[in-house]
Amino acid sequence: MYHGYFDLPTFTFFDEKNIWTGSLYRNFSYRITPVKRKPDDEKKSELHVYVWYGIQCFDNIKEFEAEYSEEFSPEGLESCIEKLSAEFEKFKTVRKDLGY
C-alpha cells in the first residue's frame, strides 16, 4: 500500500509477525518490527520503528536517528507512517551536509 513516500504492506502483514525494512534515497533506512504480546501480558503489543542513515544493515547499527513505538493496530501503522514521513523530511534537509 502506497503512503506518500513509503510503499508499505497493510497491517495484516505485521499482524502475522513479519518485519518490514526499507530505504529511500538509498541512505534513509528504516525498519518496522511488530512486537506481539500474549493477551495476559502487562505490556501491550506495539509496532516498533527504527530509522538510521546509511546503507549498513540493521544488525550493524549501534545508534539510531529515531526510534519509537506505536500501538499495534492499523491506526498505529498510520501513525508510524506519519512519523516516518517527518523523519524523511528531516533527512532531506541534512543529507547533503552528511555527504549523502
C-alpha atoms as a PDB file:
ATOM      1  CA  MET A   1       0.000   0.000   0.000  1.00  0.00           C
ATOM      2  CA  TYR A   2       1.478   3.341  -1.029  1.00  0.00           C
ATOM      3  CA  HIS A   3       1.613   6.110   1.615  1.00  0.00           C
ATOM      4  CA  GLY A   4       3.284   9.271   0.345  1.00  0.00           C
ATOM      5  CA  TYR A   5       6.976   8.388   0.227  1.00  0.00           C
ATOM      6  CA  PHE A   6       6.526   4.877   1.558  1.00  0.00           C
ATOM      7  CA  ASP A   7       5.245   1.749  -0.125  1.00  0.00           C
ATOM      8  CA  LEU A   8       4.341  -0.427   2.848  1.00  0.00           C
ATOM      9  CA  PRO A   9       2.247  -3.549   3.336  1.00  0.00           C
ATOM     10  CA  THR A  10      -1.096  -3.428   5.095  1.00  0.00           C
ATOM     11  CA  PHE A  11      -1.449  -4.046   8.820  1.00  0.00           C
ATOM     12  CA  THR A  12      -2.176  -7.743   8.177  1.00  0.00           C
ATOM     13  CA  PHE A  13       1.493  -8.183   7.163  1.00  0.00           C
ATOM     14  CA  PHE A  14       2.596  -7.057  10.638  1.00  0.00           C
ATOM     15  CA  ASP A  15      -0.210  -8.950  12.363  1.00  0.00           C
ATOM     16  CA  GLU A  16       1.427 -12.124  11.014  1.00  0.00           C
ATOM     17  CA  LYS A  17       4.665 -11.121  12.854  1.00  0.00           C
ATOM     18  CA  ASN A  18       6.530 -10.048   9.709  1.00  0.00           C
ATOM     19  CA  ILE A  19       9.250  -7.365   9.813  1.00  0.00           C
ATOM     20  CA  TRP A  20       9.496  -4.672   7.127  1.00  0.00           C
ATOM     21  CA  THR A  21      12.788  -2.978   6.269  1.00  0.00           C
ATOM     22  CA  GLY A  22      13.239  -0.387   3.553  1.00  0.00           C
ATOM     23  CA  SER A  23      15.135   2.657   2.378  1.00  0.00           C
ATOM     24  CA  LEU A  24      14.643   5.893   0.464  1.00  0.00           C
ATOM     25  CA  TYR A  25      17.259   7.963  -1.367  1.00  0.00           C
ATOM     26  CA  ARG A  26      19.496   4.951  -0.688  1.00  0.00           C
ATOM     27  CA  ASN A  27      20.704   6.318   2.676  1.00  0.00           C
ATOM     28  CA  PHE A  28      17.477   6.767   4.650  1.00  0.00           C
ATOM     29  CA  SER A  29      16.857   3.347   6.157  1.00  0.00           C
ATOM     30  CA  TYR A  30      14.018   2.174   8.346  1.00  0.00           C
ATOM     31  CA  ARG A  31      12.561  -0.930   9.930  1.00  0.00           C
ATOM     32  CA  ILE A  32       9.120  -1.650  11.368  1.00  0.00           C
ATOM     33  CA  THR A  33       9.023  -4.566  13.780  1.00  0.00           C
ATOM     34  CA  PRO A  34       5.814  -5.954  15.259  1.00  0.00           C
ATOM     35  CA  VAL A  35       6.041  -6.790  18.942  1.00  0.00           C
ATOM     36  CA  LYS A  36       3.074  -9.046  19.655  1.00  0.00           C
ATOM     37  CA  ARG A  37       2.467  -9.877  23.264  1.00  0.00           C
ATOM     38  CA  LYS A  38       0.254 -12.502  24.828  1.00  0.00           C
ATOM     39  CA  PRO A  39      -3.181 -11.303  25.994  1.00  0.00           C
ATOM     40  CA  ASP A  40      -2.242 -11.762  29.668  1.00  0.00           C
ATOM     41  CA  ASP A  41       0.996  -9.737  29.330  1.00  0.00           C
ATOM     42  CA  GLU A  42       1.100  -6.400  31.181  1.00  0.00           C
ATOM     43  CA  LYS A  43       2.794  -4.703  28.248  1.00  0.00           C
ATOM     44  CA  LYS A  44       0.744  -4.023  25.142  1.00  0.00           C
ATOM     45  CA  SER A  45       1.587  -5.179  21.636  1.00  0.00           C
ATOM     46  CA  GLU A  46       3.217  -2.475  19.528  1.00  0.00           C
ATOM     47  CA  LEU A  47       4.836  -1.579  16.251  1.00  0.00           C
ATOM     48  CA  HIS A  48       8.434  -0.543  16.849  1.00  0.00           C
ATOM     49  CA  VAL A  49      10.151   1.710  14.298  1.00  0.00           C
ATOM     50  CA  TYR A  50      13.879   2.308  13.804  1.00  0.00           C
ATOM     51  CA  VAL A  51      15.425   4.929  11.499  1.00  0.00           C
ATOM     52  CA  TRP A  52      19.099   5.200  10.548  1.00  0.00           C
ATOM     53  CA  TYR A  53      21.158   6.876   7.868  1.00  0.00           C
ATOM     54  CA  GLY A  54      23.441   4.958   5.556  1.00  0.00           C
ATOM     55  CA  ILE A  55      23.459   1.598   3.838  1.00  0.00           C
ATOM     56  CA  GLN A  56      24.567  -0.617   6.723  1.00  0.00           C
ATOM     57  CA  CYS A  57      22.272  -3.461   7.674  1.00  0.00           C
ATOM     58  CA  PHE A  58      20.113  -3.190  10.770  1.00  0.00           C
ATOM     59  CA  ASP A  59      22.228  -5.601  12.825  1.00  0.00           C
ATOM     60  CA  ASN A  60      25.318  -3.389  12.440  1.00  0.00           C
ATOM     61  CA  ILE A  61      23.717  -0.156  13.673  1.00  0.00           C
ATOM     62  CA  LYS A  62      24.711   0.964  17.158  1.00  0.00           C
ATOM     63  CA  GLU A  63      22.751   4.265  17.289  1.00  0.00           C
ATOM     64  CA  PHE A  64      19.535   5.103  15.509  1.00  0.00           C
ATOM     65  CA  GLU A  65      18.484   8.533  14.268  1.00  0.00           C
ATOM     66  CA  ALA A  66      14.993   7.827  15.605  1.00  0.00           C
ATOM     67  CA  GLU A  67      13.295   5.020  17.462  1.00  0.00           C
ATOM     68  CA  TYR A  68       9.672   4.926  18.583  1.00  0.00           C
ATOM     69  CA  SER A  69       6.674   2.678  19.134  1.00  0.00           C
ATOM     70  CA  GLU A  70       3.010   2.950  18.212  1.00  0.00           C
ATOM     71  CA  GLU A  71       0.020   0.849  19.146  1.00  0.00           C
ATOM     72  CA  PHE A  72      -0.367  -2.465  17.391  1.00  0.00           C
ATOM     73  CA  SER A  73      -3.271  -1.570  15.111  1.00  0.00           C
ATOM     74  CA  PRO A  74      -3.995  -0.198  11.632  1.00  0.00           C
ATOM     75  CA  GLU A  75      -4.202   3.269  13.231  1.00  0.00           C
ATOM     76  CA  GLY A  76      -0.828   2.689  14.883  1.00  0.00           C
ATOM     77  CA  LEU A  77       0.634   1.818  11.489  1.00  0.00           C
ATOM     78  CA  GLU A  78      -0.726   5.098  10.105  1.00  0.00           C
ATOM     79  CA  SER A  79       0.977   6.933  12.992  1.00  0.00           C
ATOM     80  CA  CYS A  80       4.226   5.117  12.168  1.00  0.00           C
ATOM     81  CA  ILE A  81       3.963   6.296   8.576  1.00  0.00           C
ATOM     82  CA  GLU A  82       3.323   9.903   9.647  1.00  0.00           C
ATOM     83  CA  LYS A  83       6.395   9.864  11.883  1.00  0.00           C
ATOM     84  CA  LEU A  84       8.493   8.149   9.204  1.00  0.00           C
ATOM     85  CA  SER A  85       7.461  10.860   6.748  1.00  0.00           C
ATOM     86  CA  ALA A  86       8.540  13.556   9.223  1.00  0.00           C
ATOM     87  CA  GLU A  87      11.870  11.779   9.758  1.00  0.00           C
ATOM     88  CA  PHE A  88      12.374  11.572   5.988  1.00  0.00           C
ATOM     89  CA  GLU A  89      11.669  15.303   5.595  1.00  0.00           C
ATOM     90  CA  LYS A  90      14.336  15.935   8.248  1.00  0.00           C
ATOM     91  CA  PHE A  91      16.757  13.651   6.378  1.00  0.00           C
ATOM     92  CA  LYS A  92      16.220  15.574   3.132  1.00  0.00           C
ATOM     93  CA  THR A  93      17.383  18.787   4.817  1.00  0.00           C
ATOM     94  CA  VAL A  94      20.595  17.269   6.255  1.00  0.00           C
ATOM     95  CA  ARG A  95      21.560  14.641   3.688  1.00  0.00           C
ATOM     96  CA  LYS A  96      23.878  16.885   1.644  1.00  0.00           C
ATOM     97  CA  ASP A  97      25.679  18.021   4.792  1.00  0.00           C
ATOM     98  CA  LEU A  98      26.192  14.368   5.681  1.00  0.00           C
ATOM     99  CA  GLY A  99      27.564  13.536   2.248  1.00  0.00           C
ATOM    100  CA  TYR A 100      24.540  11.551   1.068  1.00  0.00           C
END
